């Protein structure tokens, strides 16, 4: 794997969001998953860029 830290951070984002959705009943799962999706997109654009 060429970019292990980016992959681990994306995995951490999704595991943390799954824990929040499972443990807290008062939060809207759609909002948590939308935040996880947006942060995944940002991390992947920054982390998986090809060097110039």
Protein backbone atom coordinates (compact mmCIF):
# COMPACT_ATOMS: atom_id res chain seq x y z
CA UNK A 1 0.00 0.00 0.00
CA UNK A 2 1.43 3.32 -1.04
CA UNK A 3 -0.46 5.62 1.33
CA UNK A 4 -1.13 3.70 4.56
CA UNK A 5 -1.68 6.72 6.83
CA UNK A 6 -4.36 8.18 4.61
CA UNK A 7 -6.15 4.85 4.48
CA UNK A 8 -5.91 4.41 8.25
CA UNK A 9 -7.28 7.90 8.86
CA UNK A 10 -10.22 7.28 6.50
CA UNK A 11 -10.90 3.99 8.28
CA UNK A 12 -10.77 5.83 11.61
CA UNK A 13 -13.29 8.39 10.40
CA UNK A 14 -15.79 5.70 9.42
CA UNK A 15 -15.28 3.59 12.54
CA UNK A 16 -15.75 6.64 14.75
CA UNK A 17 -18.89 7.68 12.89
CA UNK A 18 -20.30 4.14 13.16
CA UNK A 19 -19.66 4.17 16.92
CA UNK A 20 -21.37 7.54 17.30
CA UNK A 21 -24.39 6.38 15.30
CA UNK A 22 -24.63 3.14 17.29
CA UNK A 23 -24.12 4.60 20.78
CA UNK A 24 -26.05 7.87 20.65
CA UNK A 25 -29.73 7.68 19.90
CA UNK A 26 -30.26 11.45 19.99
CA UNK A 27 -28.11 12.20 16.93
CA UNK A 28 -29.33 12.04 13.36
CA UNK A 29 -27.44 9.32 11.47
CA UNK A 30 -27.79 11.22 8.20
CA UNK A 31 -25.87 14.19 9.59
CA UNK A 32 -23.10 12.05 11.05
CA UNK A 33 -22.70 10.09 7.82
CA UNK A 34 -22.72 13.28 5.75
CA UNK A 35 -19.94 14.70 7.90
CA UNK A 36 -17.99 11.44 7.56
CA UNK A 37 -18.45 11.51 3.78
CA UNK A 38 -17.32 15.13 3.49
CA UNK A 39 -14.29 14.56 5.69
CA UNK A 40 -13.39 11.43 3.71
CA UNK A 41 -13.47 13.41 0.49
CA UNK A 42 -11.25 16.13 1.97
CA UNK A 43 -8.75 13.65 3.42
CA UNK A 44 -8.59 11.65 0.20
CA UNK A 45 -8.07 14.73 -1.98
CA UNK A 46 -5.26 15.93 0.29
CA UNK A 47 -3.71 12.55 1.01
CA UNK A 48 -3.90 10.80 -2.35
CA UNK A 49 -2.53 13.65 -4.46
CA UNK A 50 0.26 12.73 -6.79
CA UNK A 51 3.53 14.51 -6.15
CA UNK A 52 4.43 17.19 -8.68
